[in-house]
Amino acid sequence: MKREEILDTAKQAITVDRNKTHGDAEDSFSSISKYWSAYLNRDITIHDVAVMMALMKIGRIEQNRDHQDHYVDACGYLAICGEFHNPIMPKREEKP
């Protein structure tokens, strides 16, 4: 895949495809952060979840450099992470 294809595929995945199957990324990552926080007995933020998911994909690249999905997903996770950390984006209230 060319870099444009990787980014276009990641954009499609994080804005359309995975939203349909996994719901809103912030809601999903918030849920994951709560489970990971409980398991690790320390606070894990949604930003941490996005970074660690990208790192998981980077680890998978080490095992199989030919699997394009790893590159696409890592780009997608980092894009989501960047949105979470964007100081001009309004922060959403945490759900109880």
PDB file of N, CA and C in Angstrom:
ATOM      1  N   MET A   1       0.839  -1.190   0.000  1.00  0.00           N
ATOM      2  CA  MET A   1       0.000   0.000   0.000  1.00  0.00           C
ATOM      3  C   MET A   1       0.876   1.243   0.000  1.00  0.00           C
ATOM      4  N   LYS A   2       0.439   2.250  -0.693  1.00  0.00           N
ATOM      5  CA  LYS A   2       1.120   3.534  -0.658  1.00  0.00           C
ATOM      6  C   LYS A   2       0.660   4.298   0.583  1.00  0.00           C
ATOM      7  N   ARG A   3       1.452   5.271   1.011  1.00  0.00           N
ATOM      8  CA  ARG A   3       1.135   6.009   2.246  1.00  0.00           C
ATOM      9  C   ARG A   3      -0.241   6.651   2.206  1.00  0.00           C
ATOM     10  N   GLU A   4      -0.633   7.147   1.031  1.00  0.00           N
ATOM     11  CA  GLU A   4      -1.958   7.755   0.903  1.00  0.00           C
ATOM     12  C   GLU A   4      -3.056   6.724   1.134  1.00  0.00           C
ATOM     13  N   GLU A   5      -2.847   5.511   0.625  1.00  0.00           N
ATOM     14  CA  GLU A   5      -3.817   4.438   0.815  1.00  0.00           C
ATOM     15  C   GLU A   5      -3.911   4.029   2.283  1.00  0.00           C
ATOM     16  N   ILE A   6      -2.772   3.971   2.949  1.00  0.00           N
ATOM     17  CA  ILE A   6      -2.775   3.617   4.370  1.00  0.00           C
ATOM     18  C   ILE A   6      -3.576   4.651   5.154  1.00  0.00           C
ATOM     19  N   LEU A   7      -3.304   5.925   4.898  1.00  0.00           N
ATOM     20  CA  LEU A   7      -4.013   6.986   5.620  1.00  0.00           C
ATOM     21  C   LEU A   7      -5.494   7.036   5.254  1.00  0.00           C
ATOM     22  N   ASP A   8      -5.814   6.856   3.972  1.00  0.00           N
ATOM     23  CA  ASP A   8      -7.225   6.843   3.558  1.00  0.00           C
ATOM     24  C   ASP A   8      -7.971   5.675   4.191  1.00  0.00           C
ATOM     25  N   THR A   9      -7.323   4.519   4.240  1.00  0.00           N
ATOM     26  CA  THR A   9      -7.942   3.335   4.838  1.00  0.00           C
ATOM     27  C   THR A   9      -8.136   3.533   6.336  1.00  0.00           C
ATOM     28  N   ALA A  10      -7.124   4.122   6.988  1.00  0.00           N
ATOM     29  CA  ALA A  10      -7.247   4.409   8.428  1.00  0.00           C
ATOM     30  C   ALA A  10      -8.374   5.399   8.681  1.00  0.00           C
ATOM     31  N   LYS A  11      -8.486   6.413   7.835  1.00  0.00           N
ATOM     32  CA  LYS A  11      -9.560   7.405   7.989  1.00  0.00           C
ATOM     33  C   LYS A  11     -10.920   6.732   7.870  1.00  0.00           C
ATOM     34  N   GLN A  12     -11.086   5.893   6.880  1.00  0.00           N
ATOM     35  CA  GLN A  12     -12.348   5.165   6.701  1.00  0.00           C
ATOM     36  C   GLN A  12     -12.637   4.288   7.919  1.00  0.00           C
ATOM     37  N   ALA A  13     -11.591   3.639   8.417  1.00  0.00           N
ATOM     38  CA  ALA A  13     -11.760   2.723   9.557  1.00  0.00           C
ATOM     39  C   ALA A  13     -12.200   3.466  10.813  1.00  0.00           C
ATOM     40  N   ILE A  14     -11.574   4.608  11.117  1.00  0.00           N
ATOM     41  CA  ILE A  14     -11.870   5.272  12.385  1.00  0.00           C
ATOM     42  C   ILE A  14     -13.071   6.204  12.324  1.00  0.00           C
ATOM     43  N   THR A  15     -13.503   6.570  11.121  1.00  0.00           N
ATOM     44  CA  THR A  15     -14.649   7.481  11.033  1.00  0.00           C
ATOM     45  C   THR A  15     -15.937   6.792  10.628  1.00  0.00           C
ATOM     46  N   VAL A  16     -15.848   5.633  10.001  1.00  0.00           N
ATOM     47  CA  VAL A  16     -17.056   4.960   9.520  1.00  0.00           C
ATOM     48  C   VAL A  16     -17.117   3.515   9.997  1.00  0.00           C
ATOM     49  N   ASP A  17     -16.209   2.694   9.511  1.00  0.00           N
ATOM     50  CA  ASP A  17     -16.286   1.245   9.722  1.00  0.00           C
ATOM     51  C   ASP A  17     -16.331   0.851  11.200  1.00  0.00           C
ATOM     52  N   ARG A  18     -15.336   1.274  11.953  1.00  0.00           N
ATOM     53  CA  ARG A  18     -15.265   0.836  13.355  1.00  0.00           C
ATOM     54  C   ARG A  18     -16.278   1.546  14.238  1.00  0.00           C
ATOM     55  N   ASN A  19     -16.705   2.741  13.835  1.00  0.00           N
ATOM     56  CA  ASN A  19     -17.776   3.399  14.583  1.00  0.00           C
ATOM     57  C   ASN A  19     -19.048   2.565  14.518  1.00  0.00           C
ATOM     58  N   LYS A  20     -19.276   1.931  13.393  1.00  0.00           N
ATOM     59  CA  LYS A  20     -20.473   1.095  13.249  1.00  0.00           C
ATOM     60  C   LYS A  20     -20.402  -0.135  14.148  1.00  0.00           C
ATOM     61  N   THR A  21     -19.227  -0.737  14.260  1.00  0.00           N
ATOM     62  CA  THR A  21     -19.112  -1.973  15.035  1.00  0.00           C
ATOM     63  C   THR A  21     -18.746  -1.743  16.499  1.00  0.00           C
ATOM     64  N   HIS A  22     -17.958  -0.697  16.789  1.00  0.00           N
ATOM     65  CA  HIS A  22     -17.466  -0.486  18.152  1.00  0.00           C
ATOM     66  C   HIS A  22     -18.043   0.759  18.818  1.00  0.00           C
ATOM     67  N   GLY A  23     -18.778   1.564  18.084  1.00  0.00           N
ATOM     68  CA  GLY A  23     -19.316   2.799  18.647  1.00  0.00           C
ATOM     69  C   GLY A  23     -18.279   3.911  18.656  1.00  0.00           C
ATOM     70  N   ASP A  24     -18.629   5.010  19.314  1.00  0.00           N
ATOM     71  CA  ASP A  24     -17.765   6.179  19.404  1.00  0.00           C
ATOM     72  C   ASP A  24     -16.441   5.816  20.067  1.00  0.00           C
ATOM     73  N   ALA A  25     -15.332   6.259  19.487  1.00  0.00           N
ATOM     74  CA  ALA A  25     -14.009   5.914  20.015  1.00  0.00           C
ATOM     75  C   ALA A  25     -13.830   6.408  21.446  1.00  0.00           C
ATOM     76  N   GLU A  26     -14.277   7.605  21.739  1.00  0.00           N
ATOM     77  CA  GLU A  26     -14.096   8.130  23.093  1.00  0.00           C
ATOM     78  C   GLU A  26     -14.852   7.280  24.109  1.00  0.00           C
ATOM     79  N   ASP A  27     -16.067   6.871  23.769  1.00  0.00           N
ATOM     80  CA  ASP A  27     -16.837   6.008  24.670  1.00  0.00           C
ATOM     81  C   ASP A  27     -16.149   4.652  24.841  1.00  0.00           C
ATOM     82  N   SER A  28     -15.704   4.078  23.737  1.00  0.00           N
ATOM     83  CA  SER A  28     -15.040   2.774  23.774  1.00  0.00           C
ATOM     84  C   SER A  28     -13.748   2.832  24.580  1.00  0.00           C
ATOM     85  N   PHE A  29     -12.918   3.844  24.323  1.00  0.00           N
ATOM     86  CA  PHE A  29     -11.646   3.959  25.012  1.00  0.00           C
ATOM     87  C   PHE A  29     -11.860   4.303  26.488  1.00  0.00           C
ATOM     88  N   SER A  30     -12.914   5.026  26.803  1.00  0.00           N
ATOM     89  CA  SER A  30     -13.244   5.319  28.192  1.00  0.00           C
ATOM     90  C   SER A  30     -13.560   4.028  28.942  1.00  0.00           C
ATOM     91  N   SER A  31     -14.337   3.165  28.309  1.00  0.00           N
ATOM     92  CA  SER A  31     -14.664   1.873  28.913  1.00  0.00           C
ATOM     93  C   SER A  31     -13.405   1.027  29.105  1.00  0.00           C
ATOM     94  N   ILE A  32     -12.568   0.972  28.079  1.00  0.00           N
ATOM     95  CA  ILE A  32     -11.311   0.220  28.162  1.00  0.00           C
ATOM     96  C   ILE A  32     -10.441   0.774  29.280  1.00  0.00           C
ATOM     97  N   SER A  33     -10.356   2.101  29.380  1.00  0.00           N
ATOM     98  CA  SER A  33      -9.501   2.712  30.401  1.00  0.00           C
ATOM     99  C   SER A  33      -9.953   2.331  31.805  1.00  0.00           C
ATOM    100  N   LYS A  34     -11.252   2.214  32.009  1.00  0.00           N
ATOM    101  CA  LYS A  34     -11.766   1.827  33.327  1.00  0.00           C
ATOM    102  C   LYS A  34     -11.382   0.385  33.664  1.00  0.00           C
ATOM    103  N   TYR A  35     -11.506  -0.523  32.696  1.00  0.00           N
ATOM    104  CA  TYR A  35     -11.112  -1.917  32.933  1.00  0.00           C
ATOM    105  C   TYR A  35      -9.612  -2.032  33.187  1.00  0.00           C
ATOM    106  N   TRP A  36      -8.809  -1.363  32.349  1.00  0.00           N
ATOM    107  CA  TRP A  36      -7.361  -1.423  32.524  1.00  0.00           C
ATOM    108  C   TRP A  36      -6.947  -0.786  33.847  1.00  0.00           C
ATOM    109  N   SER A  37      -7.591   0.319  34.226  1.00  0.00           N
ATOM    110  CA  SER A  37      -7.284   0.978  35.499  1.00  0.00           C
ATOM    111  C   SER A  37      -7.571   0.043  36.665  1.00  0.00           C
ATOM    112  N   ALA A  38      -8.717  -0.628  36.615  1.00  0.00           N
ATOM    113  CA  ALA A  38      -9.067  -1.563  37.687  1.00  0.00           C
ATOM    114  C   ALA A  38      -8.072  -2.716  37.741  1.00  0.00           C
ATOM    115  N   TYR A  39      -7.718  -3.262  36.601  1.00  0.00           N
ATOM    116  CA  TYR A  39      -6.801  -4.397  36.548  1.00  0.00           C
ATOM    117  C   TYR A  39      -5.401  -4.013  37.040  1.00  0.00           C
ATOM    118  N   LEU A  40      -4.924  -2.845  36.616  1.00  0.00           N
ATOM    119  CA  LEU A  40      -3.569  -2.414  36.954  1.00  0.00           C
ATOM    120  C   LEU A  40      -3.500  -1.647  38.270  1.00  0.00           C
ATOM    121  N   ASN A  41      -4.662  -1.319  38.823  1.00  0.00           N
ATOM    122  CA  ASN A  41      -4.751  -0.555  40.064  1.00  0.00           C
ATOM    123  C   ASN A  41      -4.028   0.790  39.954  1.00  0.00           C
ATOM    124  N   ARG A  42      -4.203   1.451  38.824  1.00  0.00           N
ATOM    125  CA  ARG A  42      -3.687   2.800  38.593  1.00  0.00           C
ATOM    126  C   ARG A  42      -4.526   3.439  37.512  1.00  0.00           C
ATOM    127  N   ASP A  43      -4.532   4.753  37.463  1.00  0.00           N
ATOM    128  CA  ASP A  43      -5.344   5.450  36.474  1.00  0.00           C
ATOM    129  C   ASP A  43      -4.754   5.313  35.078  1.00  0.00           C
ATOM    130  N   ILE A  44      -5.595   4.888  34.151  1.00  0.00           N
ATOM    131  CA  ILE A  44      -5.255   4.812  32.736  1.00  0.00           C
ATOM    132  C   ILE A  44      -6.246   5.729  32.020  1.00  0.00           C
ATOM    133  N   THR A  45      -5.744   6.678  31.253  1.00  0.00           N
ATOM    134  CA  THR A  45      -6.617   7.621  30.553  1.00  0.00           C
ATOM    135  C   THR A  45      -6.976   7.099  29.161  1.00  0.00           C
ATOM    136  N   ILE A  46      -7.942   7.746  28.531  1.00  0.00           N
ATOM    137  CA  ILE A  46      -8.276   7.363  27.158  1.00  0.00           C
ATOM    138  C   ILE A  46      -7.095   7.644  26.239  1.00  0.00           C
ATOM    139  N   HIS A  47      -6.315   8.658  26.549  1.00  0.00           N
ATOM    140  CA  HIS A  47      -5.097   8.962  25.787  1.00  0.00           C
ATOM    141  C   HIS A  47      -4.112   7.798  25.906  1.00  0.00           C
ATOM    142  N   ASP A  48      -3.935   7.284  27.143  1.00  0.00           N
ATOM    143  CA  ASP A  48      -3.063   6.125  27.359  1.00  0.00           C
ATOM    144  C   ASP A  48      -3.541   4.924  26.550  1.00  0.00           C
ATOM    145  N   VAL A  49      -4.853   4.699  26.531  1.00  0.00           N
ATOM    146  CA  VAL A  49      -5.405   3.555  25.785  1.00  0.00           C
ATOM    147  C   VAL A  49      -5.047   3.674  24.313  1.00  0.00           C
ATOM    148  N   ALA A  50      -5.249   4.859  23.732  1.00  0.00           N
ATOM    149  CA  ALA A  50      -4.950   5.052  22.308  1.00  0.00           C
ATOM    150  C   ALA A  50      -3.473   4.807  22.016  1.00  0.00           C
ATOM    151  N   VAL A  51      -2.591   5.334  22.866  1.00  0.00           N
ATOM    152  CA  VAL A  51      -1.148   5.134  22.672  1.00  0.00           C
ATOM    153  C   VAL A  51      -0.790   3.655  22.791  1.00  0.00           C
ATOM    154  N   MET A  52      -1.321   2.992  23.811  1.00  0.00           N
ATOM    155  CA  MET A  52      -0.977   1.578  24.013  1.00  0.00           C
ATOM    156  C   MET A  52      -1.535   0.687  22.908  1.00  0.00           C
ATOM    157  N   MET A  53      -2.709   1.047  22.361  1.00  0.00           N
ATOM    158  CA  MET A  53      -3.244   0.283  21.232  1.00  0.00           C
ATOM    159  C   MET A  53      -2.327   0.453  20.009  1.00  0.00           C
ATOM    160  N   ALA A  54      -1.836   1.679  19.782  1.00  0.00           N
ATOM    161  CA  ALA A  54      -0.892   1.905  18.682  1.00  0.00           C
ATOM    162  C   ALA A  54       0.393   1.117  18.916  1.00  0.00           C
ATOM    163  N   LEU A  55       0.874   1.107  20.164  1.00  0.00           N
ATOM    164  CA  LEU A  55       2.090   0.345  20.479  1.00  0.00           C
ATOM    165  C   LEU A  55       1.888  -1.153  20.275  1.00  0.00           C
ATOM    166  N   MET A  56       0.672  -1.629  20.562  1.00  0.00           N
ATOM    167  CA  MET A  56       0.373  -3.041  20.313  1.00  0.00           C
ATOM    168  C   MET A  56       0.543  -3.343  18.819  1.00  0.00           C
ATOM    169  N   LYS A  57       0.011  -2.447  17.972  1.00  0.00           N
ATOM    170  CA  LYS A  57       0.132  -2.653  16.529  1.00  0.00           C
ATOM    171  C   LYS A  57       1.586  -2.565  16.086  1.00  0.00           C
ATOM    172  N   ILE A  58       2.345  -1.669  16.692  1.00  0.00           N
ATOM    173  CA  ILE A  58       3.766  -1.566  16.364  1.00  0.00           C
ATOM    174  C   ILE A  58       4.487  -2.848  16.758  1.00  0.00           C
ATOM    175  N   GLY A  59       4.128  -3.422  17.892  1.00  0.00           N
ATOM    176  CA  GLY A  59       4.687  -4.715  18.295  1.00  0.00           C
ATOM    177  C   GLY A  59       4.348  -5.808  17.305  1.00  0.00           C
ATOM    178  N   ARG A  60       3.153  -5.760  16.763  1.00  0.00           N
ATOM    179  CA  ARG A  60       2.763  -6.767  15.771  1.00  0.00           C
ATOM    180  C   ARG A  60       3.536  -6.595  14.468  1.00  0.00           C
ATOM    181  N   ILE A  61       3.887  -5.346  14.135  1.00  0.00           N
ATOM    182  CA  ILE A  61       4.687  -5.097  12.933  1.00  0.00           C
ATOM    183  C   ILE A  61       6.030  -5.827  13.050  1.00  0.00           C
ATOM    184  N   GLU A  62       6.577  -5.857  14.252  1.00  0.00           N
ATOM    185  CA  GLU A  62       7.848  -6.550  14.476  1.00  0.00           C
ATOM    186  C   GLU A  62       7.737  -8.032  14.117  1.00  0.00           C
ATOM    187  N   GLN A  63       6.561  -8.610  14.347  1.00  0.00           N
ATOM    188  CA  GLN A  63       6.343 -10.028  14.060  1.00  0.00           C
ATOM    189  C   GLN A  63       5.989 -10.294  12.596  1.00  0.00           C
ATOM    190  N   ASN A  64       5.329  -9.307  11.951  1.00  0.00           N
ATOM    191  CA  ASN A  64       4.896  -9.507  10.566  1.00  0.00           C
ATOM    192  C   ASN A  64       4.826  -8.165   9.855  1.00  0.00           C
ATOM    193  N   ARG A  65       5.911  -7.783   9.230  1.00  0.00           N
ATOM    194  CA  ARG A  65       6.002  -6.484   8.549  1.00  0.00           C
ATOM    195  C   ARG A  65       5.140  -6.405   7.295  1.00  0.00           C
ATOM    196  N   ASP A  66       4.688  -7.537   6.798  1.00  0.00           N
ATOM    197  CA  ASP A  66       3.933  -7.560   5.549  1.00  0.00           C
ATOM    198  C   ASP A  66       2.430  -7.369   5.741  1.00  0.00           C
ATOM    199  N   HIS A  67       1.953  -7.427   6.964  1.00  0.00           N
ATOM    200  CA  HIS A  67       0.507  -7.325   7.216  1.00  0.00           C
ATOM    201  C   HIS A  67       0.113  -5.849   7.303  1.00  0.00           C
ATOM    202  N   GLN A  68      -0.515  -5.341   6.256  1.00  0.00           N
ATOM    203  CA  GLN A  68      -0.821  -3.920   6.137  1.00  0.00           C
ATOM    204  C   GLN A  68      -1.781  -3.403   7.200  1.00  0.00           C
ATOM    205  N   ASP A  69      -2.611  -4.268   7.731  1.00  0.00           N
ATOM    206  CA  ASP A  69      -3.578  -3.867   8.750  1.00  0.00           C
ATOM    207  C   ASP A  69      -2.896  -3.247   9.967  1.00  0.00           C
ATOM    208  N   HIS A  70      -1.719  -3.708  10.320  1.00  0.00           N
ATOM    209  CA  HIS A  70      -1.004  -3.170  11.477  1.00  0.00           C
ATOM    210  C   HIS A  70      -0.684  -1.687  11.270  1.00  0.00           C
ATOM    211  N   TYR A  71      -0.237  -1.326  10.083  1.00  0.00           N
ATOM    212  CA  TYR A  71       0.113   0.059   9.785  1.00  0.00           C
ATOM    213  C   TYR A  71      -1.134   0.941   9.775  1.00  0.00           C
ATOM    214  N   VAL A  72      -2.183   0.439   9.159  1.00  0.00           N
ATOM    215  CA  VAL A  72      -3.446   1.171   9.087  1.00  0.00           C
ATOM    216  C   VAL A  72      -3.982   1.426  10.491  1.00  0.00           C
ATOM    217  N   ASP A  73      -4.042   0.389  11.301  1.00  0.00           N
ATOM    218  CA  ASP A  73      -4.593   0.528  12.647  1.00  0.00           C
ATOM    219  C   ASP A  73      -3.734   1.435  13.525  1.00  0.00           C
ATOM    220  N   ALA A  74      -2.413   1.327  13.430  1.00  0.00           N
ATOM    221  CA  ALA A  74      -1.540   2.200  14.217  1.00  0.00           C
ATOM    222  C   ALA A  74      -1.791   3.663  13.868  1.00  0.00           C
ATOM    223  N   CYS A  75      -1.928   3.953  12.572  1.00  0.00           N
ATOM    224  CA  CYS A  75      -2.245   5.330  12.148  1.00  0.00           C
ATOM    225  C   CYS A  75      -3.586   5.770  12.722  1.00  0.00           C
ATOM    226  N   GLY A  76      -4.559   4.890  12.673  1.00  0.00           N
ATOM    227  CA  GLY A  76      -5.884   5.216  13.186  1.00  0.00           C
ATOM    228  C   GLY A  76      -5.856   5.502  14.680  1.00  0.00           C
ATOM    229  N   TYR A  77      -5.185   4.653  15.446  1.00  0.00           N
ATOM    230  CA  TYR A  77      -5.099   4.870  16.895  1.00  0.00           C
ATOM    231  C   TYR A  77      -4.396   6.182  17.227  1.00  0.00           C
ATOM    232  N   LEU A  78      -3.338   6.503  16.498  1.00  0.00           N
ATOM    233  CA  LEU A  78      -2.622   7.745  16.758  1.00  0.00           C
ATOM    234  C   LEU A  78      -3.445   8.965  16.358  1.00  0.00           C
ATOM    235  N   ALA A  79      -4.247   8.846  15.313  1.00  0.00           N
ATOM    236  CA  ALA A  79      -5.137   9.950  14.941  1.00  0.00           C
ATOM    237  C   ALA A  79      -6.181  10.187  16.025  1.00  0.00           C
ATOM    238  N   ILE A  80      -6.746   9.109  16.551  1.00  0.00           N
ATOM    239  CA  ILE A  80      -7.712   9.219  17.648  1.00  0.00           C
ATOM    240  C   ILE A  80      -7.031   9.839  18.863  1.00  0.00           C
ATOM    241  N   CYS A  81      -5.825   9.403  19.157  1.00  0.00           N
ATOM    242  CA  CYS A  81      -5.061   9.925  20.278  1.00  0.00           C
ATOM    243  C   CYS A  81      -4.832  11.430  20.122  1.00  0.00           C
ATOM    244  N   GLY A  82      -4.478  11.842  18.918  1.00  0.00           N
ATOM    245  CA  GLY A  82      -4.262  13.261  18.653  1.00  0.00           C
ATOM    246  C   GLY A  82      -5.524  14.071  18.877  1.00  0.00           C
ATOM    247  N   GLU A  83      -6.660  13.518  18.511  1.00  0.00           N
ATOM    248  CA  GLU A  83      -7.927  14.209  18.741  1.00  0.00           C
ATOM    249  C   GLU A  83      -8.222  14.317  20.230  1.00  0.00           C
ATOM    250  N   PHE A  84      -7.966  13.256  20.977  1.00  0.00           N
ATOM    251  CA  PHE A  84      -8.180  13.291  22.430  1.00  0.00           C
ATOM    252  C   PHE A  84      -7.316  14.368  23.081  1.00  0.00           C
ATOM    253  N   HIS A  85      -6.143  14.568  22.561  1.00  0.00           N
ATOM    254  CA  HIS A  85      -5.176  15.473  23.185  1.00  0.00           C
ATOM    255  C   HIS A  85      -5.214  16.879  22.577  1.00  0.00           C
ATOM    256  N   ASN A  86      -6.131  17.137  21.668  1.00  0.00           N
ATOM    257  CA  ASN A  86      -6.220  18.426  21.008  1.00  0.00           C
ATOM    258  C   ASN A  86      -6.788  19.464  21.976  1.00  0.00           C
ATOM    259  N   PRO A  87      -6.003  20.480  22.340  1.00  0.00           N
ATOM    260  CA  PRO A  87      -6.475  21.447  23.339  1.00  0.00           C
ATOM    261  C   PRO A  87      -7.643  22.312  22.863  1.00  0.00           C
ATOM    262  N   ILE A  88      -7.890  22.380  21.540  1.00  0.00           N
ATOM    263  CA  ILE A  88      -9.009  23.205  21.085  1.00  0.00           C
ATOM    264  C   ILE A  88     -10.309  22.423  20.959  1.00  0.00           C
ATOM    265  N   MET A  89     -10.228  21.090  21.106  1.00  0.00           N
ATOM    266  CA  MET A  89     -11.448  20.273  21.070  1.00  0.00           C
ATOM    267  C   MET A  89     -12.112  20.357  22.443  1.00  0.00           C
ATOM    268  N   PRO A  90     -13.433  20.568  22.478  1.00  0.00           N
ATOM    269  CA  PRO A  90     -14.100  20.595  23.784  1.00  0.00           C
ATOM    270  C   PRO A  90     -14.042  19.242  24.453  1.00  0.00           C
ATOM    271  N   LYS A  91     -13.797  19.235  25.758  1.00  0.00           N
ATOM    272  CA  LYS A  91     -13.768  17.995  26.532  1.00  0.00           C
ATOM    273  C   LYS A  91     -15.184  17.548  26.824  1.00  0.00           C
ATOM    274  N   ARG A  92     -15.437  16.251  26.698  1.00  0.00           N
ATOM    275  CA  ARG A  92     -16.753  15.701  27.030  1.00  0.00           C
ATOM    276  C   ARG A  92     -16.764  15.291  28.484  1.00  0.00           C
ATOM    277  N   GLU A  93     -17.919  15.386  29.073  1.00  0.00           N
ATOM    278  CA  GLU A  93     -18.087  14.963  30.459  1.00  0.00           C
ATOM    279  C   GLU A  93     -17.975  13.445  30.545  1.00  0.00           C
ATOM    280  N   GLU A  94     -17.329  12.956  31.584  1.00  0.00           N
ATOM    281  CA  GLU A  94     -17.240  11.520  31.831  1.00  0.00           C
ATOM    282  C   GLU A  94     -18.617  10.986  32.169  1.00  0.00           C
ATOM    283  N   LYS A  95     -18.950   9.820  31.657  1.00  0.00           N
ATOM    284  CA  LYS A  95     -20.214   9.171  31.996  1.00  0.00           C
ATOM    285  C   LYS A  95     -20.036   8.433  33.309  1.00  0.00           C
ATOM    286  N   PRO A  96     -21.064   8.451  34.165  1.00  0.00           N
ATOM    287  CA  PRO A  96     -20.931   7.742  35.458  1.00  0.00           C
ATOM    288  C   PRO A  96     -20.822   6.244  35.298  1.00  0.00           C
TER     289      PRO A  96
END
